[in-house]
Amino acid sequence: MGMEYTAIITKDEDWWLGWIKEIPGANAQERTKEELLISLKEAARDIIELRWQQAISELKSDYEEIALAI
């Protein structure tokens, strides 16, 4: 199941800048809009994975994963 997020992007002189509205810390800057969108996707995936790993490492017992549609 894929989630959709909102990329906020702008051009500042020679650079494209952007961030993911729903994921604090997911930001990037690139020379082209296409490269920026790729970098933002990678940043979002990396942050989500890191937060998941941190949450799992803090568990003191077994856990269950359940798909939740929102």
N, C-alpha and C. Protein backbone atom coordinates (compact mmCIF):
# COMPACT_ATOMS: atom_id res chain seq x y z
N MET A 1 0.85 -1.17 0.00
CA MET A 1 0.00 0.00 0.00
C MET A 1 0.89 1.23 0.00
N GLY A 2 0.69 2.13 -0.91
CA GLY A 2 1.48 3.35 -0.98
C GLY A 2 0.75 4.51 -0.31
N MET A 3 1.51 5.35 0.29
CA MET A 3 0.96 6.55 0.91
C MET A 3 1.28 7.74 0.01
N GLU A 4 0.47 8.75 0.07
CA GLU A 4 0.77 9.97 -0.66
C GLU A 4 1.13 11.06 0.33
N TYR A 5 2.15 11.83 -0.01
CA TYR A 5 2.62 12.92 0.82
C TYR A 5 2.66 14.19 -0.02
N THR A 6 2.79 15.32 0.64
CA THR A 6 2.79 16.60 -0.05
C THR A 6 4.21 17.15 -0.11
N ALA A 7 4.74 17.34 -1.30
CA ALA A 7 6.05 17.96 -1.49
C ALA A 7 5.85 19.45 -1.72
N ILE A 8 6.51 20.25 -0.90
CA ILE A 8 6.51 21.69 -1.08
C ILE A 8 7.83 22.04 -1.77
N ILE A 9 7.77 22.61 -2.98
CA ILE A 9 9.00 22.89 -3.72
C ILE A 9 9.03 24.34 -4.20
N THR A 10 10.25 24.83 -4.38
CA THR A 10 10.44 26.19 -4.89
C THR A 10 11.78 26.25 -5.60
N LYS A 11 11.92 27.20 -6.48
CA LYS A 11 13.20 27.41 -7.16
C LYS A 11 13.84 28.67 -6.60
N ASP A 12 15.10 28.55 -6.21
CA ASP A 12 15.86 29.67 -5.65
C ASP A 12 17.14 29.82 -6.47
N GLU A 13 17.11 30.74 -7.39
CA GLU A 13 18.21 30.94 -8.35
C GLU A 13 18.47 29.65 -9.11
N ASP A 14 19.63 29.02 -8.94
CA ASP A 14 19.97 27.82 -9.70
C ASP A 14 19.55 26.52 -9.02
N TRP A 15 18.95 26.61 -7.85
CA TRP A 15 18.64 25.40 -7.07
C TRP A 15 17.14 25.21 -6.90
N TRP A 16 16.71 23.97 -6.89
CA TRP A 16 15.37 23.60 -6.50
C TRP A 16 15.43 23.13 -5.05
N LEU A 17 14.54 23.65 -4.20
CA LEU A 17 14.49 23.32 -2.78
C LEU A 17 13.14 22.71 -2.47
N GLY A 18 13.10 21.78 -1.54
CA GLY A 18 11.81 21.20 -1.18
C GLY A 18 11.84 20.42 0.11
N TRP A 19 10.64 20.16 0.60
CA TRP A 19 10.49 19.33 1.79
C TRP A 19 9.15 18.62 1.72
N ILE A 20 9.02 17.58 2.53
CA ILE A 20 7.78 16.83 2.62
C ILE A 20 6.99 17.38 3.81
N LYS A 21 5.83 17.91 3.55
CA LYS A 21 5.01 18.58 4.57
C LYS A 21 4.74 17.69 5.78
N GLU A 22 4.45 16.42 5.54
CA GLU A 22 4.03 15.52 6.61
C GLU A 22 5.18 14.82 7.34
N ILE A 23 6.41 15.00 6.87
CA ILE A 23 7.54 14.27 7.46
C ILE A 23 8.64 15.27 7.84
N PRO A 24 8.65 15.73 9.09
CA PRO A 24 9.70 16.66 9.51
C PRO A 24 11.09 16.09 9.24
N GLY A 25 11.95 16.91 8.68
CA GLY A 25 13.32 16.49 8.38
C GLY A 25 13.53 15.96 6.98
N ALA A 26 12.45 15.69 6.25
CA ALA A 26 12.57 15.20 4.88
C ALA A 26 12.66 16.40 3.95
N ASN A 27 13.88 16.81 3.63
CA ASN A 27 14.09 17.95 2.76
C ASN A 27 15.28 17.70 1.86
N ALA A 28 15.38 18.49 0.81
CA ALA A 28 16.48 18.30 -0.15
C ALA A 28 16.63 19.55 -1.00
N GLN A 29 17.77 19.62 -1.68
CA GLN A 29 17.98 20.63 -2.71
C GLN A 29 18.76 19.99 -3.84
N GLU A 30 18.38 20.33 -5.05
CA GLU A 30 19.00 19.75 -6.25
C GLU A 30 19.00 20.79 -7.36
N ARG A 31 19.75 20.50 -8.42
CA ARG A 31 19.84 21.41 -9.56
C ARG A 31 18.61 21.36 -10.46
N THR A 32 17.92 20.20 -10.50
CA THR A 32 16.73 20.09 -11.34
C THR A 32 15.53 19.67 -10.50
N LYS A 33 14.35 19.98 -11.01
CA LYS A 33 13.11 19.61 -10.33
C LYS A 33 12.99 18.08 -10.24
N GLU A 34 13.36 17.40 -11.31
CA GLU A 34 13.27 15.94 -11.34
C GLU A 34 14.19 15.32 -10.29
N GLU A 35 15.42 15.82 -10.18
CA GLU A 35 16.36 15.31 -9.17
C GLU A 35 15.84 15.60 -7.77
N LEU A 36 15.23 16.75 -7.59
CA LEU A 36 14.67 17.12 -6.28
C LEU A 36 13.59 16.13 -5.86
N LEU A 37 12.68 15.82 -6.76
CA LEU A 37 11.59 14.90 -6.42
C LEU A 37 12.13 13.51 -6.06
N ILE A 38 13.16 13.05 -6.76
CA ILE A 38 13.79 11.77 -6.44
C ILE A 38 14.42 11.84 -5.05
N SER A 39 15.16 12.91 -4.77
CA SER A 39 15.81 13.06 -3.47
C SER A 39 14.80 13.15 -2.33
N LEU A 40 13.68 13.83 -2.56
CA LEU A 40 12.65 13.92 -1.53
C LEU A 40 12.04 12.56 -1.23
N LYS A 41 11.80 11.76 -2.26
CA LYS A 41 11.28 10.41 -2.05
C LYS A 41 12.26 9.57 -1.23
N GLU A 42 13.55 9.66 -1.58
CA GLU A 42 14.57 8.91 -0.84
C GLU A 42 14.66 9.37 0.61
N ALA A 43 14.60 10.68 0.83
CA ALA A 43 14.65 11.22 2.19
C ALA A 43 13.46 10.73 3.00
N ALA A 44 12.28 10.75 2.41
CA ALA A 44 11.08 10.30 3.12
C ALA A 44 11.20 8.83 3.49
N ARG A 45 11.62 8.00 2.53
CA ARG A 45 11.78 6.57 2.81
C ARG A 45 12.80 6.34 3.93
N ASP A 46 13.92 7.04 3.86
CA ASP A 46 14.97 6.88 4.87
C ASP A 46 14.49 7.27 6.26
N ILE A 47 13.79 8.38 6.37
CA ILE A 47 13.30 8.84 7.68
C ILE A 47 12.25 7.89 8.23
N ILE A 48 11.33 7.45 7.39
CA ILE A 48 10.31 6.49 7.85
C ILE A 48 10.98 5.21 8.33
N GLU A 49 11.94 4.68 7.59
CA GLU A 49 12.65 3.46 7.98
C GLU A 49 13.41 3.67 9.30
N LEU A 50 14.10 4.78 9.43
CA LEU A 50 14.86 5.07 10.65
C LEU A 50 13.93 5.15 11.86
N ARG A 51 12.81 5.83 11.72
CA ARG A 51 11.86 5.94 12.83
C ARG A 51 11.27 4.59 13.19
N TRP A 52 11.01 3.75 12.18
CA TRP A 52 10.50 2.41 12.44
C TRP A 52 11.53 1.60 13.21
N GLN A 53 12.79 1.64 12.78
CA GLN A 53 13.85 0.90 13.47
C GLN A 53 14.01 1.38 14.91
N GLN A 54 13.95 2.69 15.12
CA GLN A 54 14.07 3.22 16.48
C GLN A 54 12.91 2.75 17.35
N ALA A 55 11.72 2.78 16.83
CA ALA A 55 10.55 2.35 17.60
C ALA A 55 10.65 0.87 17.96
N ILE A 56 11.04 0.04 17.01
CA ILE A 56 11.17 -1.40 17.26
C ILE A 56 12.26 -1.67 18.30
N SER A 57 13.37 -0.94 18.22
CA SER A 57 14.47 -1.18 19.16
C SER A 57 14.11 -0.83 20.60
N GLU A 58 13.09 0.01 20.78
CA GLU A 58 12.68 0.42 22.12
C GLU A 58 11.62 -0.50 22.73
N LEU A 59 11.11 -1.45 21.95
CA LEU A 59 10.11 -2.37 22.47
C LEU A 59 10.74 -3.33 23.47
N LYS A 60 10.02 -3.65 24.53
CA LYS A 60 10.52 -4.54 25.57
C LYS A 60 9.91 -5.94 25.47
N SER A 61 8.98 -6.14 24.54
CA SER A 61 8.35 -7.45 24.39
C SER A 61 7.99 -7.69 22.93
N ASP A 62 7.35 -8.83 22.68
CA ASP A 62 6.92 -9.15 21.32
C ASP A 62 5.95 -8.08 20.83
N TYR A 63 5.86 -7.97 19.53
CA TYR A 63 4.94 -7.00 18.96
C TYR A 63 4.23 -7.61 17.77
N GLU A 64 3.18 -6.96 17.34
CA GLU A 64 2.37 -7.42 16.23
C GLU A 64 2.26 -6.28 15.21
N GLU A 65 2.37 -6.61 13.94
CA GLU A 65 2.19 -5.62 12.89
C GLU A 65 0.83 -5.84 12.24
N ILE A 66 0.04 -4.78 12.15
CA ILE A 66 -1.29 -4.85 11.57
C ILE A 66 -1.43 -3.75 10.52
N ALA A 67 -1.83 -4.10 9.30
CA ALA A 67 -2.07 -3.11 8.24
C ALA A 67 -3.27 -2.26 8.66
N LEU A 68 -3.10 -0.96 8.54
CA LEU A 68 -4.14 -0.03 8.96
C LEU A 68 -4.40 0.96 7.83
N ALA A 69 -5.57 0.91 7.25
CA ALA A 69 -5.94 1.84 6.19
C ALA A 69 -6.51 3.09 6.82
N ILE A 70 -6.02 4.24 6.38
CA ILE A 70 -6.48 5.51 6.94
C ILE A 70 -7.15 6.32 5.84
